[in-house]
Protein backbone atom coordinates (compact mmCIF):
# COMPACT_ATOMS: atom_id res chain seq x y z
CA MET A 1 39.19 -3.52 -34.84
CA LYS A 2 42.33 -1.79 -33.60
CA LYS A 3 41.53 1.59 -32.05
CA LEU A 4 43.80 4.63 -32.37
CA LEU A 5 43.14 7.84 -30.45
CA ILE A 6 44.99 10.97 -31.58
CA THR A 7 44.96 13.91 -29.17
CA ALA A 8 45.98 17.41 -30.24
CA ASN A 9 45.38 20.95 -29.05
CA VAL A 10 43.08 22.29 -31.80
CA ASP A 11 41.33 20.89 -34.87
CA TRP A 12 43.08 23.14 -37.39
CA PHE A 13 46.55 22.07 -36.22
CA PHE A 14 45.57 18.41 -36.54
CA ILE A 15 44.15 19.02 -40.03
CA SER A 16 47.30 20.82 -41.13
CA HIS A 17 49.81 18.38 -39.67
CA ARG A 18 48.26 14.91 -39.17
CA LEU A 19 45.02 14.45 -41.12
CA CYS A 20 46.74 12.64 -43.99
CA ILE A 21 48.19 10.14 -41.49
CA ALA A 22 44.80 9.52 -39.87
CA GLU A 23 43.22 8.90 -43.29
CA ALA A 24 45.89 6.36 -44.23
CA VAL A 25 45.64 4.54 -40.89
CA GLN A 26 41.87 4.33 -41.23
CA LYS A 27 42.24 2.83 -44.71
CA ALA A 28 44.65 0.28 -43.19
CA GLY A 29 41.82 -1.03 -41.01
CA TRP A 30 42.09 0.96 -37.80
CA GLU A 31 39.29 2.81 -36.02
CA VAL A 32 40.57 6.37 -35.67
CA ILE A 33 39.32 8.92 -33.13
CA VAL A 34 40.59 12.49 -32.89
CA ALA A 35 40.26 14.56 -29.71
CA ALA A 36 40.98 18.29 -29.96
CA GLU A 37 39.29 21.63 -29.49
CA ASP A 38 36.69 22.31 -32.17
CA THR A 39 37.39 25.77 -33.59
CA GLY A 40 34.86 25.29 -36.38
CA ARG A 41 36.73 22.92 -38.69
CA SER A 42 35.91 19.52 -37.18
CA ASN A 43 33.58 18.78 -40.11
CA GLU A 44 36.70 18.43 -42.29
CA ILE A 45 37.62 15.47 -40.08
CA THR A 46 34.21 13.84 -39.59
CA GLN A 47 33.33 13.97 -43.29
CA LEU A 48 36.14 11.46 -43.81
CA GLY A 49 34.48 9.01 -41.43
CA ILE A 50 36.88 9.79 -38.59
CA GLN A 51 35.24 10.22 -35.19
CA PHE A 52 35.88 13.61 -33.56
CA VAL A 53 35.61 14.49 -29.87
CA ASN A 54 35.53 18.17 -28.92
CA PHE A 55 38.24 18.34 -26.25
CA PRO A 56 39.13 21.94 -25.30
CA PHE A 57 41.88 22.78 -22.82
CA SER A 58 44.12 25.77 -22.20
CA ARG A 59 47.17 25.58 -24.44
CA SER A 60 49.24 28.03 -22.39
CA GLY A 61 47.71 28.01 -18.90
CA THR A 62 49.90 27.29 -15.87
CA ASN A 63 47.41 27.62 -12.99
CA PRO A 64 48.04 24.45 -10.93
CA LEU A 65 44.40 23.77 -10.07
CA LYS A 66 43.27 24.19 -13.68
CA GLU A 67 46.11 22.03 -14.93
CA ILE A 68 45.13 19.24 -12.53
CA GLN A 69 41.61 19.44 -13.95
CA THR A 70 43.08 19.13 -17.46
CA VAL A 71 44.91 15.93 -16.47
CA LYS A 72 41.61 14.59 -15.12
CA LYS A 73 39.96 15.42 -18.47
CA PHE A 74 42.54 13.29 -20.25
CA TYR A 75 41.98 10.48 -17.75
CA ASN A 76 38.20 10.54 -18.23
CA LEU A 77 38.54 10.67 -22.02
CA TYR A 78 40.85 7.66 -22.14
CA LYS A 79 38.77 5.72 -19.62
CA THR A 80 35.68 6.26 -21.81
CA LEU A 81 37.27 5.49 -25.18
CA GLN A 82 39.69 2.71 -24.14
CA PRO A 83 42.08 3.07 -27.10
CA ASP A 84 44.64 0.42 -28.00
CA VAL A 85 47.15 3.09 -29.01
CA VAL A 86 47.10 6.80 -28.18
CA HIS A 87 49.13 9.33 -30.17
CA HIS A 88 49.83 12.61 -28.36
CA ILE A 89 50.59 15.70 -30.44
CA THR A 90 52.02 18.93 -28.92
CA LEU A 91 53.57 19.21 -25.48
CA LYS A 92 50.58 19.37 -23.13
CA PRO A 93 48.88 16.27 -24.57
CA VAL A 94 52.26 14.52 -24.50
CA ILE A 95 52.72 15.15 -20.78
CA TYR A 96 49.16 15.08 -19.44
CA GLY A 97 48.03 12.33 -21.81
CA SER A 98 50.99 10.18 -20.83
CA LEU A 99 50.09 10.59 -17.15
CA ALA A 100 46.50 9.50 -17.84
CA ALA A 101 47.63 6.59 -20.03
CA LYS A 102 49.97 5.35 -17.30
CA LYS A 103 47.23 5.50 -14.67
CA LEU A 104 44.86 3.52 -16.92
CA LYS A 105 47.62 1.16 -18.10
CA ILE A 106 46.95 1.91 -21.78
CA GLY A 107 49.23 -0.44 -23.67
CA GLY A 108 50.54 1.71 -26.51
CA VAL A 109 51.60 5.37 -26.29
CA LEU A 110 53.24 7.45 -29.02
CA ASN A 111 54.46 10.92 -28.06
CA ALA A 112 55.22 13.30 -30.94
CA ILE A 113 57.66 16.02 -29.89
CA SER A 114 57.25 18.58 -32.66
CA GLY A 115 59.36 21.24 -30.97
CA LEU A 116 59.69 21.84 -27.24
CA GLY A 117 57.57 24.96 -27.26
CA TYR A 118 57.23 28.14 -25.26
CA VAL A 119 58.74 27.10 -21.91
CA PHE A 120 61.84 25.48 -23.45
CA THR A 121 63.20 28.58 -25.17
CA ASP A 122 66.30 29.77 -23.28
CA ALA A 123 64.72 32.94 -21.89
CA ARG A 124 61.82 31.07 -20.31
CA LYS A 125 63.52 28.21 -18.48
CA GLY A 126 62.33 28.22 -14.87
CA PRO A 127 59.88 26.67 -12.40
CA VAL A 128 57.29 25.68 -15.01
CA GLN A 129 59.88 23.79 -17.03
CA LYS A 130 61.11 22.00 -13.90
CA ILE A 131 57.57 20.82 -13.14
CA MET A 132 57.10 19.64 -16.72
CA VAL A 133 60.36 17.68 -16.64
CA LYS A 134 59.32 16.04 -13.37
CA LEU A 135 55.99 14.99 -14.91
CA MET A 136 57.80 13.65 -17.98
CA LYS A 137 60.02 11.46 -15.84
CA LYS A 138 56.97 10.19 -13.97
CA SER A 139 54.95 9.30 -17.08
CA PHE A 140 57.48 8.36 -19.78
CA LYS A 141 59.60 5.66 -18.17
CA ARG A 142 57.51 2.56 -18.81
CA PRO A 143 57.20 -0.17 -21.47
CA ASN A 144 55.54 0.48 -24.81
CA VAL A 145 55.95 4.26 -24.74
CA SER A 146 57.57 5.49 -27.97
CA PHE A 147 58.60 8.92 -29.18
CA ILE A 148 58.85 10.74 -32.49
CA PHE A 149 61.28 13.64 -32.73
CA GLN A 150 61.63 15.94 -35.71
CA ASN A 151 65.22 16.88 -34.96
CA GLN A 152 68.19 15.64 -32.94
CA ASP A 153 68.47 18.79 -30.83
CA ASP A 154 65.11 18.39 -29.08
CA TYR A 155 65.88 14.74 -28.37
CA GLN A 156 69.31 15.50 -26.96
CA GLU A 157 67.89 18.26 -24.74
CA LEU A 158 65.32 15.93 -23.19
CA LYS A 159 67.79 13.06 -23.00
CA ALA A 160 70.13 15.30 -20.99
CA LEU A 161 67.27 15.85 -18.54
CA SER A 162 66.97 12.05 -18.07
CA VAL A 163 63.28 11.85 -18.95
CA PHE A 164 63.70 8.57 -20.90
CA SER A 165 64.73 5.06 -19.99
CA ASP A 166 66.23 2.29 -22.10
CA ILE A 167 62.79 0.71 -22.64
CA ASN A 168 61.52 3.75 -24.58
CA LYS A 169 61.79 3.56 -28.38
CA ILE A 170 62.92 6.74 -30.15
CA HIS A 171 62.10 7.52 -33.80
CA PHE A 172 63.16 10.45 -35.98
CA ILE A 173 60.80 11.72 -38.68
CA LYS A 174 61.43 15.02 -40.46
CA GLY A 175 58.17 16.79 -39.78
CA SER A 176 54.76 15.99 -41.20
CA GLY A 177 56.06 15.60 -44.73
CA VAL A 178 54.44 17.14 -47.77
CA ASN A 179 52.25 15.82 -50.56
CA LEU A 180 54.61 16.26 -53.50
CA THR A 181 51.75 15.86 -55.98
CA GLU A 182 49.58 18.55 -54.41
CA PHE A 183 52.52 20.83 -53.65
CA LYS A 184 54.18 20.53 -57.03
CA GLN A 185 56.91 22.81 -58.24
CA SER A 186 55.55 25.97 -59.82
CA PRO A 187 57.35 28.63 -61.85
CA LEU A 188 58.41 31.79 -60.08
CA PRO A 189 56.05 34.71 -60.70
CA ASN A 190 57.22 37.46 -63.00
CA GLY A 191 55.56 40.43 -61.36
CA GLU A 192 56.62 44.03 -60.96
CA ARG A 193 57.40 43.43 -57.29
CA VAL A 194 59.29 40.60 -55.60
CA LYS A 195 56.88 38.92 -53.19
CA VAL A 196 58.40 37.81 -49.88
CA LEU A 197 56.08 35.39 -48.08
CA PHE A 198 56.00 34.96 -44.28
CA PRO A 199 53.63 31.97 -43.84
CA THR A 200 53.09 31.23 -40.16
CA ARG A 201 51.04 31.96 -37.07
CA MET A 202 51.81 35.47 -35.92
CA LEU A 203 53.87 34.74 -32.81
CA TRP A 204 56.78 36.72 -31.43
CA ASP A 205 59.00 33.62 -31.42
CA LYS A 206 58.39 33.16 -35.14
CA GLY A 207 60.49 36.31 -35.59
CA VAL A 208 57.71 38.83 -36.20
CA ALA A 209 59.57 41.73 -34.57
CA GLU A 210 62.78 40.93 -36.45
CA LEU A 211 60.95 40.74 -39.77
CA ARG A 212 59.26 44.07 -39.10
CA GLU A 213 62.64 45.65 -38.39
CA ALA A 214 64.04 44.08 -41.58
CA THR A 215 61.17 45.57 -43.60
CA ASN A 216 62.02 48.96 -42.09
CA LEU A 217 65.69 48.56 -43.03
CA LEU A 218 64.79 47.72 -46.64
CA LYS A 219 61.94 50.17 -47.10
CA LYS A 220 63.84 53.24 -48.28
CA GLU A 221 65.47 51.44 -51.22
CA PHE A 222 62.85 48.77 -51.97
CA HIS A 223 59.46 50.22 -50.99
CA ASP A 224 58.29 49.99 -54.61
CA LYS A 225 60.17 46.76 -55.48
CA ILE A 226 59.08 44.35 -52.71
CA THR A 227 55.79 43.23 -51.20
CA PHE A 228 55.99 41.40 -47.88
CA ILE A 229 53.02 39.06 -47.45
CA LEU A 230 52.12 37.95 -43.92
CA ALA A 231 49.98 34.81 -44.22
CA GLY A 232 48.79 33.57 -40.84
CA LEU A 233 46.36 34.17 -38.02
CA ALA A 234 46.92 36.40 -35.03
CA ASP A 235 46.93 33.66 -32.39
CA GLU A 236 46.18 35.95 -29.46
CA GLU A 237 45.34 33.04 -27.12
CA ASN A 238 48.98 32.01 -27.29
CA LYS A 239 51.31 33.60 -24.73
CA ALA A 240 53.65 34.52 -27.57
CA GLY A 241 50.79 35.78 -29.74
CA VAL A 242 51.09 39.03 -31.70
CA SER A 243 48.01 41.24 -31.58
CA ALA A 244 45.94 41.98 -34.65
CA ASP A 245 46.37 45.69 -33.88
CA TYR A 246 50.16 45.34 -34.19
CA LEU A 247 49.80 43.67 -37.58
CA ARG A 248 47.30 46.21 -38.85
CA ASP A 249 49.64 49.00 -37.79
CA TRP A 250 52.51 47.32 -39.68
CA GLU A 251 50.75 46.66 -42.96
CA ASP A 252 50.12 49.37 -45.51
CA GLY A 253 48.46 47.24 -48.19
CA ASP A 254 51.31 47.79 -50.61
CA TYR A 255 54.80 47.23 -49.18
CA VAL A 256 53.46 45.02 -46.37
CA LYS A 257 50.21 43.03 -46.56
CA TRP A 258 48.65 40.89 -43.84
CA ILE A 259 46.28 38.40 -45.50
CA GLY A 260 45.45 36.34 -42.39
CA TYR A 261 44.94 32.59 -42.23
CA GLN A 262 44.75 30.92 -45.65
CA THR A 263 43.27 27.53 -46.52
CA GLN A 264 44.61 27.38 -50.10
CA MET A 265 48.32 27.58 -49.37
CA VAL A 266 49.46 26.08 -52.68
CA SER A 267 48.31 29.19 -54.52
CA VAL A 268 49.79 31.46 -51.83
CA TYR A 269 53.22 29.83 -52.16
CA SER A 270 52.97 29.80 -55.96
CA ASP A 271 52.31 33.54 -55.98
CA SER A 272 55.48 34.24 -53.97
CA ASP A 273 59.12 34.61 -55.02
CA MET A 274 60.68 33.48 -51.75
CA VAL A 275 59.72 32.33 -48.26
CA VAL A 276 61.06 33.77 -45.01
CA LEU A 277 60.82 32.35 -41.47
CA PRO A 278 63.12 34.02 -38.89
CA SER A 279 61.94 31.74 -36.07
CA TYR A 280 63.67 31.30 -32.71
CA ARG A 281 63.01 27.55 -32.51
CA GLU A 282 60.95 24.92 -34.35
CA GLY A 283 60.42 21.18 -34.53
CA MET A 284 60.52 20.92 -38.31
CA PRO A 285 58.49 23.79 -39.77
CA LYS A 286 55.80 22.58 -42.13
CA THR A 287 55.81 25.91 -43.93
CA LEU A 288 59.47 25.51 -44.96
CA ILE A 289 58.89 21.92 -46.06
CA GLU A 290 56.00 23.13 -48.23
CA ALA A 291 58.13 26.00 -49.55
CA CYS A 292 60.74 23.47 -50.63
CA ALA A 293 58.13 21.38 -52.43
CA ILE A 294 56.73 24.36 -54.35
CA GLY A 295 60.29 25.28 -55.32
CA ARG A 296 60.96 28.49 -53.46
CA PRO A 297 64.23 29.86 -52.07
CA ILE A 298 64.17 30.24 -48.29
CA VAL A 299 65.57 32.69 -45.78
CA THR A 300 65.44 31.32 -42.25
CA THR A 301 67.57 31.18 -39.11
CA THR A 302 70.20 28.88 -37.68
CA ALA A 303 67.65 27.88 -35.01
CA ILE A 304 66.82 24.27 -34.16
CA GLY A 305 64.43 22.85 -36.74
CA CYS A 306 64.82 25.71 -39.20
CA ARG A 307 68.42 24.96 -40.10
CA GLU A 308 67.55 21.43 -41.26
CA CYS A 309 65.36 22.86 -44.04
CA VAL A 310 68.09 24.88 -45.74
CA ASP A 311 71.44 23.89 -47.19
CA GLU A 312 73.32 27.16 -46.87
CA GLY A 313 73.84 28.85 -50.22
CA VAL A 314 72.12 25.99 -52.06
CA ASN A 315 68.37 26.42 -51.54
CA GLY A 316 68.50 29.50 -49.33
CA PHE A 317 70.25 31.39 -46.56
CA LYS A 318 70.43 30.92 -42.78
CA VAL A 319 70.94 33.95 -40.57
CA PRO A 320 71.54 34.26 -36.81
CA VAL A 321 68.45 34.24 -34.60
CA LYS A 322 67.12 37.74 -33.78
CA SER A 323 69.42 39.47 -36.29
CA SER A 324 67.23 41.85 -38.28
CA GLU A 325 70.21 43.25 -40.18
CA ALA A 326 71.39 39.81 -41.37
CA LEU A 327 67.80 38.95 -42.26
CA ALA A 328 67.43 42.10 -44.33
CA ASN A 329 70.75 41.46 -46.11
CA ALA A 330 69.77 37.88 -47.04
CA ILE A 331 66.39 39.01 -48.36
CA GLN A 332 68.10 41.75 -50.37
CA LYS A 333 70.47 39.24 -52.01
CA LEU A 334 67.54 37.27 -53.37
CA VAL A 335 65.53 40.34 -54.33
CA MET A 336 68.45 41.62 -56.42
CA ASP A 337 69.14 38.33 -58.24
CA SER A 338 66.31 36.61 -60.12
CA ALA A 339 68.66 33.91 -61.46
CA LEU A 340 69.68 33.03 -57.90
CA ARG A 341 66.02 32.77 -56.89
CA GLN A 342 65.44 30.36 -59.75
CA GLN A 343 68.53 28.29 -58.95
CA MET A 344 67.72 28.03 -55.24
CA GLY A 345 64.07 27.28 -55.93
CA THR A 346 65.03 24.29 -58.06
CA ALA A 347 67.34 23.07 -55.28
CA SER A 348 64.49 23.38 -52.77
CA ARG A 349 62.29 21.07 -54.82
CA LYS A 350 65.08 18.48 -55.06
CA LYS A 351 65.50 18.63 -51.27
CA ALA A 352 61.77 18.08 -50.74
CA GLU A 353 61.77 15.05 -53.03
CA ALA A 354 64.76 13.54 -51.23
CA GLU A 355 63.84 14.30 -47.61
CA PHE A 356 60.22 15.36 -47.07
CA ASP A 357 57.96 12.99 -49.06
CA GLN A 358 54.70 12.52 -47.14
CA LYS A 359 54.38 8.91 -48.30
CA GLN A 360 57.46 7.99 -46.28
CA VAL A 361 56.10 9.79 -43.20
CA ILE A 362 52.76 7.96 -43.39
CA ALA A 363 54.43 4.55 -43.80
CA LYS A 364 56.66 5.19 -40.79
CA HIS A 365 53.71 6.17 -38.58
CA LEU A 366 51.70 3.11 -39.56
CA SER A 367 54.68 0.89 -38.78
CA ILE A 368 55.02 2.46 -35.30
CA TYR A 369 51.29 2.10 -34.54
CA ASN A 370 51.36 -1.57 -35.53
CA ALA A 371 54.46 -2.23 -33.43
CA LEU A 372 52.85 -0.59 -30.38
CA PHE A 373 49.66 -2.61 -30.86
CA ASN A 374 51.53 -5.89 -31.30
CA GLU A 375 53.75 -5.23 -28.29
CA LYS A 376 50.70 -4.33 -26.19
CA ASN A 377 49.04 -7.63 -27.10
CA SER A 378 52.18 -9.66 -26.44
CA ASN A 379 52.55 -8.01 -23.02
CA ASN A 380 48.90 -8.75 -22.21
CA GLY A 381 49.32 -12.31 -23.43
């Protein structure tokens, strides 16, 4: 039986972004193993018959000695499991896993670049990024190593750094896709207040500070007309994490509510009038893809990844990154015009059906896995 190993940072991220792919691949006859940190949700993976390996490592650490130990952990994991194909998700597994796979001569490697992360934002380019690029060059340039990018910008940035060679295969897939049956279009609520949903991990680079400032700008006129709903965990282990104390200080239970991490997001989206994500940079944000599927107008930024989810003036508005005033103005436009919310929500659903269908994403992944396996066998033969 063909063996696929998927490595990710934490179980909940894998469940949110890749579980549907793993299920489909297993049904296609592959043995599937998932390695990630168990934060208490691994049973959602194992109950499907997928093997899970608890594989914790620091997501944001940069201590050289500890990072070397992390590379060794990847090496030992791969040496034990001997996968035919390994699929790396998020940047550390992509880099460290690729190093381990090269050392062990694992025949098929798929690296998913779902955004370049913390050290690739403009303000943070420095020594750490230089080391990462050097490791990429060392581990990527070999046969049967393929890549999935969610947007052209991330690919072009890495290409400019010469981390690829002509033997690498590059694929473009718009995010994780969305189940259009589960996330079906729902009517806009008709409540006394317009509900503005911010569905994401609470990180500074998701635009938390800018959204807070926008809520302050709108509060005098709209304190009894809007409810801002913050739906996401305070990921304080992340270097860009916003503290729970900051969020509790912001919310008042009426104009601003922080409801934390939610497992039933369909109902959360359905209960909202619009979705906002003023992020600095993304791969292809799953939350905006889901917002499109549910049929909600979107306010986001012109940042990489975000801008692909909105056709300006059609299914939402795009504002400059870090512009609280522009963000507040765009939110106000939609708050003041229920017909526009309806019109843009319908356009969002059409965009999801045309561009973000999960079935297409699953089929593409399975095709890539099979190609890597077949090429591995032909090289060995």
